[in-house]
Amino acid sequence: MKIFPAIDIKDKKCVRLVKGNFDNKTEYNNSPVDQASRYEDFGFKNLHIVDLDGALTGETVNVNIIQEIVKKSNLNIEIGGGIRNLESIQKYLDAGVEKTILGSAAIKDKNFLKDACLKFPGKIALGLDAKDGYLSVSGWKESSNQLALDYLKEVNDYGVSRLIFTDINKDGTKESPNFDETSKVANISNCPVIISGGVSSIDDVKKARNLKNIEGIIVGKAIYDGDIKLEELVKEDA
């Protein structure tokens, strides 16, 4: 199972939000580039990055930081946050990321998701961020009034290479992921699923191993706050 340490970038700093609330934000001392280097030094192979500035603006605000991380590491990077057109996808792929994560734009326009999967085969991950089962968009500020499972059934054959499922009610809370809802998604998804939101302990990571069609798990706040030690976590990364 792949472990994805997480870096959320806001104003060129590493931050963590609680339930996606920009007013409930913790800033950390390490720069995103230094934090990525730290993860690689511990032996991690994958990295999950969210450009929170991008999520708010719809622009590739921090592409220079991503380029620097790619240049200084051998990490397989997935990047999301405000990717709303094919040009932005191309820009990130040219920077050297492994996959780009489409969220709001894909939910609002299924044809965009289909076109992206056709143009960039194997490079598109779909981010499904749900609150009480319903998808949220635009930096989690709007509900789409669409059930995550219904949407997934509609786009399941588009050619998405990875699905990242986040329960917004769990994100940043360290209350353990919503394994039940994630399992429902994984059971119908045509591509492997990454668990996101709420990881609180190494036990959560070990539990994820036993679920069907799970490729990996994203760990963020629990690392920054010291609840999970990196030397312990990297042993689960295989």
C-alpha atoms as a PDB file:
ATOM      1  CA  MET A   1       0.000   0.000   0.000  1.00  0.00           C
ATOM      2  CA  LYS A   2       1.245   3.482  -0.866  1.00  0.00           C
ATOM      3  CA  ILE A   3       1.606   6.114   1.822  1.00  0.00           C
ATOM      4  CA  PHE A   4       1.074   9.686   0.665  1.00  0.00           C
ATOM      5  CA  PRO A   5       2.394  12.254   3.130  1.00  0.00           C
ATOM      6  CA  ALA A   6       0.485  15.469   2.464  1.00  0.00           C
ATOM      7  CA  ILE A   7       1.575  19.029   1.832  1.00  0.00           C
ATOM      8  CA  ASP A   8      -1.075  21.743   1.601  1.00  0.00           C
ATOM      9  CA  ILE A   9       0.318  25.025   0.271  1.00  0.00           C
ATOM     10  CA  LYS A  10      -1.106  28.446   1.141  1.00  0.00           C
ATOM     11  CA  ASP A  11       0.831  31.675   0.721  1.00  0.00           C
ATOM     12  CA  LYS A  12       3.948  29.580  -0.025  1.00  0.00           C
ATOM     13  CA  LYS A  13       3.723  27.898   3.406  1.00  0.00           C
ATOM     14  CA  CYS A  14       2.754  24.428   4.613  1.00  0.00           C
ATOM     15  CA  VAL A  15      -0.645  24.629   6.301  1.00  0.00           C
ATOM     16  CA  ARG A  16      -3.389  22.314   7.494  1.00  0.00           C
ATOM     17  CA  LEU A  17      -7.081  23.142   7.544  1.00  0.00           C
ATOM     18  CA  VAL A  18      -9.836  21.573   9.641  1.00  0.00           C
ATOM     19  CA  LYS A  19     -12.777  20.386   7.503  1.00  0.00           C
ATOM     20  CA  GLY A  20     -11.556  22.605   4.676  1.00  0.00           C
ATOM     21  CA  ASN A  21     -12.180  25.782   6.657  1.00  0.00           C
ATOM     22  CA  PHE A  22      -9.688  28.486   5.633  1.00  0.00           C
ATOM     23  CA  ASP A  23     -10.425  30.305   8.885  1.00  0.00           C
ATOM     24  CA  ASN A  24      -9.353  27.240  10.880  1.00  0.00           C
ATOM     25  CA  LYS A  25      -5.789  27.041   9.646  1.00  0.00           C
ATOM     26  CA  THR A  26      -2.499  25.973  11.205  1.00  0.00           C
ATOM     27  CA  GLU A  27       0.752  27.132   9.632  1.00  0.00           C
ATOM     28  CA  TYR A  28       3.938  25.086   9.977  1.00  0.00           C
ATOM     29  CA  ASN A  29       7.532  26.245   9.932  1.00  0.00           C
ATOM     30  CA  ASN A  30       8.919  24.057   7.155  1.00  0.00           C
ATOM     31  CA  SER A  31       8.674  25.359   3.604  1.00  0.00           C
ATOM     32  CA  PRO A  32       6.917  22.993   1.160  1.00  0.00           C
ATOM     33  CA  VAL A  33      10.261  22.216  -0.525  1.00  0.00           C
ATOM     34  CA  ASP A  34      11.956  21.419   2.801  1.00  0.00           C
ATOM     35  CA  GLN A  35       9.006  19.327   3.932  1.00  0.00           C
ATOM     36  CA  ALA A  36       9.086  17.302   0.707  1.00  0.00           C
ATOM     37  CA  SER A  37      12.826  16.714   1.164  1.00  0.00           C
ATOM     38  CA  ARG A  38      12.178  15.544   4.718  1.00  0.00           C
ATOM     39  CA  TYR A  39       9.651  12.984   3.497  1.00  0.00           C
ATOM     40  CA  GLU A  40      12.063  11.694   0.876  1.00  0.00           C
ATOM     41  CA  ASP A  41      14.904  11.499   3.400  1.00  0.00           C
ATOM     42  CA  PHE A  42      12.729   9.198   5.513  1.00  0.00           C
ATOM     43  CA  GLY A  43      12.232   6.914   2.504  1.00  0.00           C
ATOM     44  CA  PHE A  44       8.755   7.829   1.242  1.00  0.00           C
ATOM     45  CA  LYS A  45       8.193   7.447  -2.496  1.00  0.00           C
ATOM     46  CA  ASN A  46       4.914   9.342  -2.995  1.00  0.00           C
ATOM     47  CA  LEU A  47       3.660  12.808  -2.153  1.00  0.00           C
ATOM     48  CA  HIS A  48       0.180  14.362  -2.145  1.00  0.00           C
ATOM     49  CA  ILE A  49       0.111  18.142  -2.695  1.00  0.00           C
ATOM     50  CA  VAL A  50      -2.869  20.497  -2.608  1.00  0.00           C
ATOM     51  CA  ASP A  51      -2.466  24.050  -3.839  1.00  0.00           C
ATOM     52  CA  LEU A  52      -4.986  25.837  -1.644  1.00  0.00           C
ATOM     53  CA  ASP A  53      -4.293  29.126  -3.396  1.00  0.00           C
ATOM     54  CA  GLY A  54      -5.166  27.360  -6.642  1.00  0.00           C
ATOM     55  CA  ALA A  55      -8.337  25.925  -5.138  1.00  0.00           C
ATOM     56  CA  LEU A  56      -9.482  29.457  -4.348  1.00  0.00           C
ATOM     57  CA  THR A  57      -8.358  31.164  -7.566  1.00  0.00           C
ATOM     58  CA  GLY A  58      -8.493  28.457 -10.252  1.00  0.00           C
ATOM     59  CA  GLU A  59      -4.912  29.304 -11.241  1.00  0.00           C
ATOM     60  CA  THR A  60      -1.661  27.316 -11.019  1.00  0.00           C
ATOM     61  CA  VAL A  61      -0.419  29.727  -8.373  1.00  0.00           C
ATOM     62  CA  ASN A  62       2.366  27.610  -6.908  1.00  0.00           C
ATOM     63  CA  VAL A  63       3.667  25.803  -9.982  1.00  0.00           C
ATOM     64  CA  ASN A  64       7.191  27.161  -9.298  1.00  0.00           C
ATOM     65  CA  ILE A  65       7.208  25.491  -5.890  1.00  0.00           C
ATOM     66  CA  ILE A  66       6.071  22.228  -7.476  1.00  0.00           C
ATOM     67  CA  GLN A  67       8.843  22.496 -10.095  1.00  0.00           C
ATOM     68  CA  GLU A  68      11.415  22.973  -7.336  1.00  0.00           C
ATOM     69  CA  ILE A  69      10.146  19.939  -5.394  1.00  0.00           C
ATOM     70  CA  VAL A  70      10.294  17.821  -8.552  1.00  0.00           C
ATOM     71  CA  LYS A  71      13.813  19.060  -9.345  1.00  0.00           C
ATOM     72  CA  LYS A  72      15.127  18.336  -5.848  1.00  0.00           C
ATOM     73  CA  SER A  73      13.477  14.941  -5.292  1.00  0.00           C
ATOM     74  CA  ASN A  74      12.539  11.646  -6.884  1.00  0.00           C
ATOM     75  CA  LEU A  75       9.082  11.602  -5.316  1.00  0.00           C
ATOM     76  CA  ASN A  76       6.022  10.550  -7.310  1.00  0.00           C
ATOM     77  CA  ILE A  77       3.818  13.615  -6.910  1.00  0.00           C
ATOM     78  CA  GLU A  78       0.074  13.998  -7.290  1.00  0.00           C
ATOM     79  CA  ILE A  79      -1.141  17.589  -7.284  1.00  0.00           C
ATOM     80  CA  GLY A  80      -4.616  19.077  -6.927  1.00  0.00           C
ATOM     81  CA  GLY A  81      -6.251  22.403  -6.254  1.00  0.00           C
ATOM     82  CA  GLY A  82      -7.848  24.625  -8.872  1.00  0.00           C
ATOM     83  CA  ILE A  83      -6.958  22.596 -11.964  1.00  0.00           C
ATOM     84  CA  ARG A  84      -9.779  23.669 -14.263  1.00  0.00           C
ATOM     85  CA  ASN A  85      -8.476  23.391 -17.817  1.00  0.00           C
ATOM     86  CA  LEU A  86      -6.256  21.244 -20.030  1.00  0.00           C
ATOM     87  CA  GLU A  87      -3.547  23.914 -20.060  1.00  0.00           C
ATOM     88  CA  SER A  88      -3.126  23.703 -16.282  1.00  0.00           C
ATOM     89  CA  ILE A  89      -2.854  19.917 -16.473  1.00  0.00           C
ATOM     90  CA  GLN A  90      -0.184  20.261 -19.162  1.00  0.00           C
ATOM     91  CA  LYS A  91       1.694  22.813 -17.069  1.00  0.00           C
ATOM     92  CA  TYR A  92       1.898  20.469 -14.080  1.00  0.00           C
ATOM     93  CA  LEU A  93       2.811  17.440 -16.184  1.00  0.00           C
ATOM     94  CA  ASP A  94       5.547  19.490 -17.866  1.00  0.00           C
ATOM     95  CA  ALA A  95       6.772  20.345 -14.359  1.00  0.00           C
ATOM     96  CA  GLY A  96       7.213  16.605 -13.758  1.00  0.00           C
ATOM     97  CA  VAL A  97       4.329  15.510 -11.527  1.00  0.00           C
ATOM     98  CA  GLU A  98       3.048  11.943 -11.822  1.00  0.00           C
ATOM     99  CA  LYS A  99      -0.682  12.737 -11.711  1.00  0.00           C
ATOM    100  CA  THR A 100      -2.959  15.763 -11.652  1.00  0.00           C
ATOM    101  CA  ILE A 101      -6.072  15.646  -9.489  1.00  0.00           C
ATOM    102  CA  LEU A 102      -9.301  17.011 -10.951  1.00  0.00           C
ATOM    103  CA  GLY A 103     -12.056  17.954  -8.514  1.00  0.00           C
ATOM    104  CA  SER A 104     -14.540  20.806  -8.840  1.00  0.00           C
ATOM    105  CA  ALA A 105     -14.075  21.319 -12.585  1.00  0.00           C
ATOM    106  CA  ALA A 106     -14.635  17.611 -13.268  1.00  0.00           C
ATOM    107  CA  ILE A 107     -17.756  17.503 -11.106  1.00  0.00           C
ATOM    108  CA  LYS A 108     -19.218  20.610 -12.735  1.00  0.00           C
ATOM    109  CA  ASP A 109     -18.327  19.436 -16.248  1.00  0.00           C
ATOM    110  CA  LYS A 110     -18.060  15.696 -16.873  1.00  0.00           C
ATOM    111  CA  ASN A 111     -16.924  16.322 -20.445  1.00  0.00           C
ATOM    112  CA  PHE A 112     -13.832  18.090 -19.114  1.00  0.00           C
ATOM    113  CA  LEU A 113     -12.961  14.961 -17.131  1.00  0.00           C
ATOM    114  CA  LYS A 114     -13.524  12.763 -20.173  1.00  0.00           C
ATOM    115  CA  ASP A 115     -11.399  15.009 -22.411  1.00  0.00           C
ATOM    116  CA  ALA A 116      -8.598  15.122 -19.834  1.00  0.00           C
ATOM    117  CA  CYS A 117      -8.515  11.331 -19.509  1.00  0.00           C
ATOM    118  CA  LEU A 118      -8.336  10.971 -23.301  1.00  0.00           C
ATOM    119  CA  LYS A 119      -5.615  13.583 -23.737  1.00  0.00           C
ATOM    120  CA  PHE A 120      -3.516  12.521 -20.729  1.00  0.00           C
ATOM    121  CA  PRO A 121      -4.003   8.748 -20.297  1.00  0.00           C
ATOM    122  CA  GLY A 122      -2.799   7.411 -16.960  1.00  0.00           C
ATOM    123  CA  LYS A 123      -2.184  10.908 -15.613  1.00  0.00           C
ATOM    124  CA  ILE A 124      -5.608  11.931 -14.310  1.00  0.00           C
ATOM    125  CA  ALA A 125      -6.742  11.312 -10.734  1.00  0.00           C
ATOM    126  CA  LEU A 126     -10.280  12.200  -9.684  1.00  0.00           C
ATOM    127  CA  GLY A 127     -10.803  13.878  -6.331  1.00  0.00           C
ATOM    128  CA  LEU A 128     -14.194  13.198  -4.805  1.00  0.00           C
ATOM    129  CA  ASP A 129     -14.701  15.352  -1.705  1.00  0.00           C
ATOM    130  CA  ALA A 130     -17.934  14.516   0.077  1.00  0.00           C
ATOM    131  CA  LYS A 131     -19.882  15.861   3.027  1.00  0.00           C
ATOM    132  CA  ASP A 132     -22.675  13.628   4.309  1.00  0.00           C
ATOM    133  CA  GLY A 133     -22.422  11.696   1.044  1.00  0.00           C
ATOM    134  CA  TYR A 134     -22.805  14.771  -1.211  1.00  0.00           C
ATOM    135  CA  LEU A 135     -19.958  16.152  -3.312  1.00  0.00           C
ATOM    136  CA  SER A 136     -18.559  19.572  -2.454  1.00  0.00           C
ATOM    137  CA  VAL A 137     -16.834  21.903  -4.908  1.00  0.00           C
ATOM    138  CA  SER A 138     -14.980  25.232  -5.108  1.00  0.00           C
ATOM    139  CA  GLY A 139     -12.619  24.709  -2.202  1.00  0.00           C
ATOM    140  CA  TRP A 140     -15.409  22.874  -0.355  1.00  0.00           C
ATOM    141  CA  LYS A 141     -17.413  26.082  -0.128  1.00  0.00           C
ATOM    142  CA  GLU A 142     -20.334  24.781  -2.230  1.00  0.00           C
ATOM    143  CA  SER A 143     -22.368  21.588  -2.210  1.00  0.00           C
ATOM    144  CA  SER A 144     -23.034  20.154  -5.657  1.00  0.00           C
ATOM    145  CA  ASN A 145     -26.287  18.475  -4.498  1.00  0.00           C
ATOM    146  CA  GLN A 146     -24.935  15.313  -6.129  1.00  0.00           C
ATOM    147  CA  LEU A 147     -24.230  12.082  -4.312  1.00  0.00           C
ATOM    148  CA  ALA A 148     -20.627  10.923  -4.669  1.00  0.00           C
ATOM    149  CA  LEU A 149     -21.671   7.383  -5.536  1.00  0.00           C
ATOM    150  CA  ASP A 150     -24.117   8.522  -8.229  1.00  0.00           C
ATOM    151  CA  TYR A 151     -21.508  10.749  -9.841  1.00  0.00           C
ATOM    152  CA  LEU A 152     -18.906   7.981  -9.794  1.00  0.00           C
ATOM    153  CA  LYS A 153     -21.260   5.593 -11.587  1.00  0.00           C
ATOM    154  CA  GLU A 154     -21.689   8.179 -14.351  1.00  0.00           C
ATOM    155  CA  VAL A 155     -17.943   8.695 -14.952  1.00  0.00           C
ATOM    156  CA  ASN A 156     -16.624   5.251 -14.043  1.00  0.00           C
ATOM    157  CA  ASP A 157     -15.714   4.350 -17.621  1.00  0.00           C
ATOM    158  CA  TYR A 158     -13.934   7.607 -18.522  1.00  0.00           C
ATOM    159  CA  GLY A 159     -10.448   6.246 -17.844  1.00  0.00           C
ATOM    160  CA  VAL A 160      -9.521   7.884 -14.535  1.00  0.00           C
ATOM    161  CA  SER A 161      -6.329   6.256 -13.239  1.00  0.00           C
ATOM    162  CA  ARG A 162      -6.816   6.933  -9.517  1.00  0.00           C
ATOM    163  CA  LEU A 163      -9.621   8.111  -7.255  1.00  0.00           C
ATOM    164  CA  ILE A 164      -9.040  10.100  -4.078  1.00  0.00           C
ATOM    165  CA  PHE A 165     -11.993  10.030  -1.713  1.00  0.00           C
ATOM    166  CA  THR A 166     -12.132  12.569   1.104  1.00  0.00           C
ATOM    167  CA  ASP A 167     -14.780  12.809   3.789  1.00  0.00           C
ATOM    168  CA  ILE A 168     -14.768  16.539   4.519  1.00  0.00           C
ATOM    169  CA  ASN A 169     -16.276  16.019   7.966  1.00  0.00           C
ATOM    170  CA  LYS A 170     -13.163  14.018   8.860  1.00  0.00           C
ATOM    171  CA  ASP A 171     -10.479  16.093   7.156  1.00  0.00           C
ATOM    172  CA  GLY A 172      -7.991  17.613   9.577  1.00  0.00           C
ATOM    173  CA  THR A 173      -9.852  16.247  12.594  1.00  0.00           C
ATOM    174  CA  LYS A 174      -7.713  13.169  13.329  1.00  0.00           C
ATOM    175  CA  GLU A 175     -10.921  11.251  14.119  1.00  0.00           C
ATOM    176  CA  SER A 176     -10.074   8.328  11.760  1.00  0.00           C
ATOM    177  CA  PRO A 177     -11.183   8.158   8.115  1.00  0.00           C
ATOM    178  CA  ASN A 178     -14.705   7.270   7.033  1.00  0.00           C
ATOM    179  CA  PHE A 179     -13.825   3.696   6.139  1.00  0.00           C
ATOM    180  CA  ASP A 180     -17.446   2.670   5.518  1.00  0.00           C
ATOM    181  CA  GLU A 181     -18.132   5.327   2.893  1.00  0.00           C
ATOM    182  CA  THR A 182     -14.690   4.865   1.340  1.00  0.00           C
ATOM    183  CA  SER A 183     -15.355   1.134   0.998  1.00  0.00           C
ATOM    184  CA  LYS A 184     -18.639   1.841  -0.812  1.00  0.00           C
ATOM    185  CA  VAL A 185     -16.738   4.019  -3.270  1.00  0.00           C
ATOM    186  CA  ALA A 186     -13.913   1.496  -3.686  1.00  0.00           C
ATOM    187  CA  ASN A 187     -16.348  -1.355  -4.276  1.00  0.00           C
ATOM    188  CA  ILE A 188     -17.799   0.273  -7.386  1.00  0.00           C
ATOM    189  CA  SER A 189     -14.771   2.218  -8.656  1.00  0.00           C
ATOM    190  CA  ASN A 190     -13.074   0.974 -11.830  1.00  0.00           C
ATOM    191  CA  CYS A 191      -9.780   2.443 -10.634  1.00  0.00           C
ATOM    192  CA  PRO A 192      -7.903   2.092  -7.331  1.00  0.00           C
ATOM    193  CA  VAL A 193      -8.863   4.404  -4.471  1.00  0.00           C
ATOM    194  CA  ILE A 194      -6.794   6.544  -2.106  1.00  0.00           C
ATOM    195  CA  ILE A 195      -8.214   7.150   1.390  1.00  0.00           C
ATOM    196  CA  SER A 196      -8.102  10.761   2.563  1.00  0.00           C
ATOM    197  CA  GLY A 197      -9.256  12.677   5.632  1.00  0.00           C
ATOM    198  CA  GLY A 198      -9.035  12.038   9.349  1.00  0.00           C
ATOM    199  CA  VAL A 199      -6.055   9.694   9.696  1.00  0.00           C
ATOM    200  CA  SER A 200      -5.182   9.752  13.382  1.00  0.00           C
ATOM    201  CA  SER A 201      -2.840   6.848  14.107  1.00  0.00           C
ATOM    202  CA  ILE A 202      -0.802   4.046  12.599  1.00  0.00           C
ATOM    203  CA  ASP A 203      -3.795   1.772  13.318  1.00  0.00           C
ATOM    204  CA  ASP A 204      -5.829   3.692  10.715  1.00  0.00           C
ATOM    205  CA  VAL A 205      -3.104   3.009   8.162  1.00  0.00           C
ATOM    206  CA  LYS A 206      -2.995  -0.687   9.017  1.00  0.00           C
ATOM    207  CA  LYS A 207      -6.786  -0.942   8.804  1.00  0.00           C
ATOM    208  CA  ALA A 208      -6.703   0.510   5.296  1.00  0.00           C
ATOM    209  CA  ARG A 209      -4.537  -2.407   4.163  1.00  0.00           C
ATOM    210  CA  ASN A 210      -7.432  -4.812   4.577  1.00  0.00           C
ATOM    211  CA  LEU A 211      -9.894  -2.934   2.379  1.00  0.00           C
ATOM    212  CA  LYS A 212     -10.649  -3.943  -1.196  1.00  0.00           C
ATOM    213  CA  ASN A 213      -9.394  -1.827  -4.151  1.00  0.00           C
ATOM    214  CA  ILE A 214      -7.418   0.578  -1.928  1.00  0.00           C
ATOM    215  CA  GLU A 215      -4.153   1.798  -3.463  1.00  0.00           C
ATOM    216  CA  GLY A 216      -3.016   3.964  -0.589  1.00  0.00           C
ATOM    217  CA  ILE A 217      -3.754   6.485   2.124  1.00  0.00           C
ATOM    218  CA  ILE A 218      -3.004  10.196   2.617  1.00  0.00           C
ATOM    219  CA  VAL A 219      -1.599  11.324   5.968  1.00  0.00           C
ATOM    220  CA  GLY A 220      -1.349  15.000   6.840  1.00  0.00           C
ATOM    221  CA  LYS A 221      -2.118  16.627  10.170  1.00  0.00           C
ATOM    222  CA  ALA A 222      -1.220  13.522  12.201  1.00  0.00           C
ATOM    223  CA  ILE A 223       2.335  13.826  10.861  1.00  0.00           C
ATOM    224  CA  TYR A 224       2.670  17.545  11.515  1.00  0.00           C
ATOM    225  CA  ASP A 225       1.265  17.236  15.029  1.00  0.00           C
ATOM    226  CA  GLY A 226       3.496  14.268  15.883  1.00  0.00           C
ATOM    227  CA  ASP A 227       0.694  11.713  16.368  1.00  0.00           C
ATOM    228  CA  ILE A 228       2.338   9.445  13.791  1.00  0.00           C
ATOM    229  CA  LYS A 229       6.109   9.121  13.675  1.00  0.00           C
ATOM    230  CA  LEU A 230       7.584   9.131  10.170  1.00  0.00           C
ATOM    231  CA  GLU A 231       9.906   6.213  10.921  1.00  0.00           C
ATOM    232  CA  GLU A 232       6.863   4.183  11.953  1.00  0.00           C
ATOM    233  CA  LEU A 233       4.773   5.276   8.983  1.00  0.00           C
ATOM    234  CA  VAL A 234       7.382   4.565   6.311  1.00  0.00           C
ATOM    235  CA  LYS A 235       7.404   0.886   7.336  1.00  0.00           C
ATOM    236  CA  GLU A 236       3.827   0.670   6.021  1.00  0.00           C
ATOM    237  CA  ASP A 237       4.829   2.163   2.653  1.00  0.00           C
ATOM    238  CA  ALA A 238       5.160  -0.699   0.203  1.00  0.00           C
END
